[in-house]
Amino acid sequence: MSDFVSNGWSIYIAGVVVLGLAACLALLLVAARRRPMSTDNTTGHVWDEDLRELNNPLPRWWMGLFVLTIAFACGYLWLYPGFGSAQGSKGWTSANQYEAERAKARADAAPLYAAYRLQQASELALEPAAMAMGERLFANNCAACHGSDAKGSKGFPDLTDNDWLHGGSPENIEESITKGRIGTMPPMAAAVGTPKDVGNLAAYVLSLSTPSLAQTLPAQLGRSKFAVCAACHGADGKGNQAIGSANLTDGIWLHGRGEAAIVAMINNGKTNVMPAHETRLSPEQIHVLAAYVWSLSHRPVTASR
């Protein structure tokens, strides 16, 4: 009922409930008082010369079930919400039940995670049981965006490499999971100049990760325009993890590679949001999950024979 914008909706729902129950009672009363339409208890309808429709009343046990159903409905509406905006005598809500079930699940899982709370990520990465729990946490909370293999997709970072917007230490990862992240690049076309200037700047940005393009005329002309980008990405284009600005020199592109993709970013900007998980997961679960994510880019290399 919290989604309704006025009390009128509550009154409407309550009216529908009352009318529905009243209609059921009225139907039962009419059926109970109905009398045969003829002395032989038939309706007068005949098919195929000798098939007559009888007018027998409903069995009493069937009528009793209808009465019990109505009584159950009245009891339910007294105890639980369903009658307009009435909360019910038990004060039950789906949100409260969800919170209670989540609290119980956390309490049941707490002993499993408590043993790992003081261990470093490098230690947890060597614990098969801890990594199995971390993998399940990742599948339930992270895979929808970053993929089941954690390699991400356009707009969602790859967690298996060493390219990190906000830092790849276990502490940084744990902070990202706990508090979430918001990355915003504002539209910069107006500050850059003409569409041709935007194209030249895109060529220069692309040359930062492709040195063979550095000597092209558009890249050289766009070099001076990079000043509007340097405040966030640095004069060398290597980014700033303190504010989550991307490294433009490593050839890893979160929102698509190529000059056209860079032009689109300069013209339109972009805002990416990673939701906070501190209300979904306990600190101990986040610690294990962060260690698992860290391990994805720090797996030992097996020597080939």
Protein backbone atom coordinates (compact mmCIF):
# COMPACT_ATOMS: atom_id res chain seq x y z
CA MET A 1 0.00 0.00 0.00
CA SER A 2 3.00 2.31 0.37
CA ASP A 3 3.12 2.71 -3.42
CA PHE A 4 -0.38 4.25 -3.52
CA VAL A 5 -0.39 8.03 -3.84
CA SER A 6 -3.67 8.66 -2.01
CA ASN A 7 -6.05 7.09 0.50
CA GLY A 8 -8.55 6.63 -2.30
CA TRP A 9 -6.73 3.52 -3.48
CA SER A 10 -6.87 2.04 0.01
CA ILE A 11 -10.62 2.63 0.21
CA TYR A 12 -11.03 1.11 -3.26
CA ILE A 13 -9.16 -2.08 -2.28
CA ALA A 14 -11.09 -2.38 0.98
CA GLY A 15 -14.36 -1.97 -0.93
CA VAL A 16 -13.41 -4.69 -3.40
CA VAL A 17 -12.60 -7.05 -0.52
CA VAL A 18 -15.88 -6.37 1.26
CA LEU A 19 -17.95 -6.69 -1.90
CA GLY A 20 -16.18 -9.93 -2.81
CA LEU A 21 -16.89 -11.55 0.54
CA ALA A 22 -20.48 -10.23 0.56
CA ALA A 23 -21.06 -11.62 -2.93
CA CYS A 24 -19.80 -15.05 -1.84
CA LEU A 25 -22.14 -15.04 1.18
CA ALA A 26 -25.07 -13.91 -0.95
CA LEU A 27 -24.41 -16.66 -3.46
CA LEU A 28 -24.36 -19.27 -0.70
CA LEU A 29 -27.65 -17.99 0.77
CA VAL A 30 -29.35 -18.00 -2.62
CA ALA A 31 -28.12 -21.51 -3.36
CA ALA A 32 -29.21 -22.75 0.07
CA ARG A 33 -32.76 -21.34 -0.28
CA ARG A 34 -33.32 -22.38 -3.86
CA ARG A 35 -36.27 -24.70 -4.30
CA PRO A 36 -37.04 -27.20 -7.05
CA MET A 37 -38.56 -25.60 -10.13
CA SER A 38 -40.95 -28.53 -10.61
CA THR A 39 -42.43 -31.42 -8.66
CA ASP A 40 -39.93 -33.87 -10.15
CA ASN A 41 -36.92 -31.70 -9.15
CA THR A 42 -35.90 -30.89 -12.73
CA THR A 43 -35.21 -27.55 -14.38
CA GLY A 44 -37.44 -28.31 -17.33
CA HIS A 45 -34.50 -28.65 -19.73
CA VAL A 46 -34.58 -31.86 -21.80
CA TRP A 47 -32.05 -33.13 -24.34
CA ASP A 48 -32.26 -36.08 -26.67
CA GLU A 49 -35.88 -36.68 -25.61
CA ASP A 50 -35.13 -38.19 -22.19
CA LEU A 51 -32.10 -36.42 -20.67
CA ARG A 52 -33.38 -34.05 -17.99
CA GLU A 53 -31.34 -31.52 -16.02
CA LEU A 54 -31.86 -31.98 -12.27
CA ASN A 55 -31.92 -29.16 -9.76
CA ASN A 56 -30.21 -30.87 -6.81
CA PRO A 57 -28.74 -28.58 -4.15
CA LEU A 58 -24.99 -28.54 -3.43
CA PRO A 59 -23.86 -31.19 -0.91
CA ARG A 60 -23.65 -29.86 2.63
CA TRP A 61 -19.94 -30.67 2.94
CA TRP A 62 -19.34 -28.55 -0.17
CA MET A 63 -21.35 -25.69 1.27
CA GLY A 64 -19.41 -26.10 4.50
CA LEU A 65 -16.10 -25.69 2.64
CA PHE A 66 -17.35 -22.43 1.13
CA VAL A 67 -18.29 -21.16 4.59
CA LEU A 68 -14.91 -22.18 6.00
CA THR A 69 -13.17 -20.39 3.12
CA ILE A 70 -15.00 -17.16 3.91
CA ALA A 71 -14.27 -17.56 7.62
CA PHE A 72 -10.58 -18.14 6.82
CA ALA A 73 -10.54 -15.00 4.65
CA CYS A 74 -11.99 -12.91 7.49
CA GLY A 75 -9.44 -14.31 9.95
CA TYR A 76 -6.59 -13.67 7.52
CA LEU A 77 -7.67 -10.07 6.98
CA TRP A 78 -7.79 -9.58 10.75
CA LEU A 79 -4.27 -10.92 11.28
CA TYR A 80 -2.45 -9.80 8.10
CA PRO A 81 -2.54 -6.80 5.72
CA GLY A 82 -4.99 -7.09 2.86
CA PHE A 83 -7.90 -4.89 3.84
CA GLY A 84 -6.93 -1.57 2.26
CA SER A 85 -4.24 0.15 4.32
CA ALA A 86 -4.95 -1.90 7.49
CA GLN A 87 -1.73 -3.48 8.77
CA GLY A 88 -3.35 -6.43 10.52
CA SER A 89 -3.17 -7.29 14.21
CA LYS A 90 0.16 -9.12 13.85
CA GLY A 91 1.86 -6.14 12.20
CA TRP A 92 3.42 -8.45 9.60
CA THR A 93 5.17 -7.03 6.53
CA SER A 94 7.17 -8.76 3.82
CA ALA A 95 10.06 -6.38 4.51
CA ASN A 96 10.15 -7.35 8.20
CA GLN A 97 10.04 -11.03 7.34
CA TYR A 98 12.84 -10.57 4.81
CA GLU A 99 15.00 -8.77 7.35
CA ALA A 100 14.34 -11.43 9.97
CA GLU A 101 15.23 -14.24 7.57
CA ARG A 102 18.36 -12.42 6.45
CA ALA A 103 19.42 -11.82 10.06
CA LYS A 104 18.94 -15.51 10.81
CA ALA A 105 20.93 -16.50 7.72
CA ARG A 106 23.74 -14.17 8.79
CA ALA A 107 23.73 -15.58 12.29
CA ASP A 108 23.85 -19.14 10.94
CA ALA A 109 26.70 -18.29 8.55
CA ALA A 110 28.71 -16.18 11.00
CA PRO A 111 30.68 -19.09 12.52
CA LEU A 112 31.72 -20.24 9.03
CA TYR A 113 33.22 -16.86 8.15
CA ALA A 114 34.55 -15.87 11.58
CA ALA A 115 37.57 -18.14 11.20
CA TYR A 116 38.70 -16.18 8.15
CA ARG A 117 38.12 -12.62 9.44
CA LEU A 118 41.71 -12.05 10.60
CA GLN A 119 43.45 -13.79 7.70
CA GLN A 120 45.06 -11.82 4.90
CA ALA A 121 43.84 -12.17 1.32
CA SER A 122 47.07 -13.89 0.31
CA GLU A 123 46.40 -16.52 2.98
CA LEU A 124 42.75 -16.94 2.12
CA ALA A 125 43.65 -17.41 -1.55
CA LEU A 126 45.39 -20.64 -0.51
CA GLU A 127 42.38 -21.89 1.48
CA PRO A 128 40.16 -24.04 -0.80
CA ALA A 129 37.19 -23.80 1.58
CA ALA A 130 37.43 -20.00 1.79
CA MET A 131 37.74 -19.67 -1.98
CA ALA A 132 34.74 -21.97 -2.48
CA MET A 133 32.66 -19.69 -0.26
CA GLY A 134 34.03 -16.63 -2.04
CA GLU A 135 33.12 -18.13 -5.40
CA ARG A 136 29.52 -18.71 -4.26
CA LEU A 137 29.31 -15.15 -2.92
CA PHE A 138 30.63 -13.87 -6.24
CA ALA A 139 28.11 -15.92 -8.22
CA ASN A 140 25.21 -14.61 -6.13
CA ASN A 141 26.24 -10.96 -5.89
CA CYS A 142 28.73 -10.03 -8.62
CA ALA A 143 28.35 -12.33 -11.62
CA ALA A 144 25.26 -10.56 -12.94
CA CYS A 145 27.46 -7.58 -13.91
CA HIS A 146 31.01 -8.93 -14.07
CA GLY A 147 30.12 -12.28 -15.61
CA SER A 148 30.44 -15.78 -14.17
CA ASP A 149 34.09 -15.80 -15.31
CA ALA A 150 34.65 -12.29 -13.81
CA LYS A 151 35.94 -11.03 -17.16
CA GLY A 152 33.25 -8.35 -17.36
CA SER A 153 31.89 -6.85 -20.55
CA LYS A 154 31.40 -3.40 -22.07
CA GLY A 155 30.79 -1.06 -19.14
CA PHE A 156 31.65 -3.70 -16.51
CA PRO A 157 35.31 -4.09 -15.48
CA ASP A 158 37.31 -7.27 -15.98
CA LEU A 159 38.34 -8.45 -12.50
CA THR A 160 40.91 -10.97 -13.70
CA ASP A 161 43.51 -8.49 -14.97
CA ASN A 162 45.60 -5.91 -13.13
CA ASP A 163 43.76 -2.82 -14.38
CA TRP A 164 41.91 -1.20 -11.47
CA LEU A 165 40.03 2.08 -11.41
CA HIS A 166 40.07 2.40 -7.61
CA GLY A 167 43.04 0.23 -6.75
CA GLY A 168 43.49 -3.53 -6.71
CA SER A 169 44.74 -4.13 -3.18
CA PRO A 170 42.57 -6.33 -0.94
CA GLU A 171 41.72 -3.23 1.10
CA ASN A 172 40.66 -1.28 -1.99
CA ILE A 173 38.54 -4.17 -3.23
CA GLU A 174 36.91 -4.60 0.17
CA GLU A 175 36.11 -0.88 0.27
CA SER A 176 34.60 -1.02 -3.23
CA ILE A 177 32.36 -3.95 -2.29
CA THR A 178 31.33 -2.37 1.00
CA LYS A 179 30.61 1.20 -0.05
CA GLY A 180 30.11 0.82 -3.78
CA ARG A 181 31.54 3.18 -6.40
CA ILE A 182 30.18 5.93 -8.63
CA GLY A 183 32.31 6.88 -11.61
CA THR A 184 31.33 9.94 -13.59
CA MET A 185 32.90 11.48 -16.66
CA PRO A 186 31.04 14.66 -17.63
CA PRO A 187 30.45 15.59 -21.29
CA MET A 188 33.51 17.55 -22.35
CA ALA A 189 32.78 18.50 -25.96
CA ALA A 190 31.92 22.12 -25.08
CA ALA A 191 35.24 22.53 -23.27
CA VAL A 192 37.21 20.93 -26.09
CA GLY A 193 35.87 23.05 -28.95
CA THR A 194 34.58 22.11 -32.38
CA PRO A 195 33.68 18.58 -33.49
CA LYS A 196 36.97 18.55 -35.39
CA ASP A 197 38.79 19.38 -32.15
CA VAL A 198 36.97 16.49 -30.45
CA GLY A 199 38.10 14.16 -33.23
CA ASN A 200 41.70 15.33 -32.89
CA LEU A 201 41.57 14.86 -29.11
CA ALA A 202 40.19 11.33 -29.56
CA ALA A 203 43.05 10.57 -31.95
CA TYR A 204 45.57 11.79 -29.36
CA VAL A 205 43.95 9.76 -26.56
CA LEU A 206 44.07 6.67 -28.76
CA SER A 207 47.76 7.33 -29.50
CA LEU A 208 48.55 7.13 -25.76
CA SER A 209 48.04 3.38 -25.91
CA THR A 210 49.06 3.01 -29.57
CA PRO A 211 52.40 4.82 -29.99
CA SER A 212 52.43 4.19 -33.75
CA LEU A 213 49.61 6.76 -34.06
CA ALA A 214 51.43 9.49 -32.14
CA GLN A 215 52.95 11.05 -35.25
CA THR A 216 49.70 11.37 -37.16
CA LEU A 217 48.47 14.93 -37.73
CA PRO A 218 45.15 14.56 -35.80
CA ALA A 219 46.98 13.18 -32.76
CA GLN A 220 49.50 16.02 -32.83
CA LEU A 221 46.72 18.60 -33.14
CA GLY A 222 44.79 16.97 -30.31
CA ARG A 223 47.70 17.00 -27.88
CA SER A 224 47.02 20.56 -26.73
CA LYS A 225 43.32 19.77 -26.21
CA PHE A 226 44.22 17.06 -23.70
CA ALA A 227 44.63 19.76 -21.07
CA VAL A 228 40.89 19.54 -20.33
CA CYS A 229 41.35 15.83 -19.57
CA ALA A 230 44.56 16.06 -17.57
CA ALA A 231 42.84 17.31 -14.44
CA CYS A 232 41.36 13.83 -13.92
CA HIS A 233 43.47 11.52 -16.07
CA GLY A 234 46.80 13.19 -15.35
CA ALA A 235 49.17 14.93 -17.71
CA ASP A 236 50.58 11.55 -18.74
CA GLY A 237 47.11 10.00 -19.14
CA LYS A 238 47.79 7.29 -16.57
CA GLY A 239 44.68 8.09 -14.52
CA ASN A 240 44.19 8.57 -10.81
CA GLN A 241 42.93 5.72 -8.64
CA ALA A 242 42.09 8.13 -5.84
CA ILE A 243 39.17 9.43 -7.92
CA GLY A 244 38.67 6.39 -10.14
CA SER A 245 39.81 7.97 -13.41
CA ALA A 246 40.91 5.50 -16.06
CA ASN A 247 44.43 4.85 -17.26
CA LEU A 248 44.37 5.83 -20.94
CA THR A 249 47.77 4.39 -21.78
CA ASP A 250 47.28 0.66 -21.18
CA GLY A 251 44.99 -0.22 -24.08
CA ILE A 252 42.18 -1.42 -21.80
CA TRP A 253 38.90 0.28 -22.64
CA LEU A 254 35.90 -0.12 -20.36
CA HIS A 255 33.33 1.43 -22.71
CA GLY A 256 34.67 0.33 -26.07
CA ARG A 257 37.89 0.80 -27.99
CA GLY A 258 38.56 2.87 -31.06
CA GLU A 259 38.33 6.53 -32.03
CA ALA A 260 34.54 6.50 -32.42
CA ALA A 261 34.06 5.16 -28.89
CA ILE A 262 36.37 7.84 -27.49
CA VAL A 263 34.53 10.58 -29.39
CA ALA A 264 31.24 9.29 -27.94
CA MET A 265 32.68 9.44 -24.43
CA ILE A 266 33.94 13.00 -24.89
CA ASN A 267 30.62 14.13 -26.34
CA ASN A 268 28.23 12.30 -24.03
CA GLY A 269 30.14 11.50 -20.87
CA LYS A 270 29.30 8.44 -18.79
CA THR A 271 28.21 7.53 -15.28
CA ASN A 272 28.82 4.05 -13.91
CA VAL A 273 27.47 2.84 -10.59
CA MET A 274 28.54 -0.15 -8.54
CA PRO A 275 26.02 -0.61 -5.70
CA ALA A 276 27.15 -0.87 -2.09
CA HIS A 277 26.91 -4.33 -0.57
CA GLU A 278 27.28 -3.44 3.10
CA THR A 279 23.53 -3.94 3.63
CA ARG A 280 23.49 -7.27 1.76
CA LEU A 281 26.59 -8.95 3.15
CA SER A 282 28.22 -9.08 6.56
CA PRO A 283 31.76 -7.67 7.02
CA GLU A 284 33.08 -11.23 7.27
CA GLN A 285 31.42 -12.22 4.00
CA ILE A 286 32.78 -9.11 2.28
CA HIS A 287 36.27 -9.95 3.57
CA VAL A 288 36.11 -13.43 2.04
CA LEU A 289 34.58 -12.13 -1.19
CA ALA A 290 37.27 -9.43 -1.51
CA ALA A 291 39.96 -12.07 -1.05
CA TYR A 292 38.36 -14.18 -3.78
CA VAL A 293 38.20 -11.23 -6.19
CA TRP A 294 41.82 -10.36 -5.39
CA SER A 295 42.84 -13.95 -6.08
CA LEU A 296 41.38 -13.77 -9.61
CA SER A 297 44.22 -11.50 -10.70
CA HIS A 298 46.86 -13.08 -8.46
CA ARG A 299 46.60 -16.75 -9.29
CA PRO A 300 49.94 -18.57 -9.28
CA VAL A 301 51.36 -19.34 -12.71
CA THR A 302 51.92 -23.06 -13.23
CA ALA A 303 55.18 -23.79 -15.00
CA SER A 304 54.69 -25.71 -18.24
CA ARG A 305 56.63 -28.89 -18.83
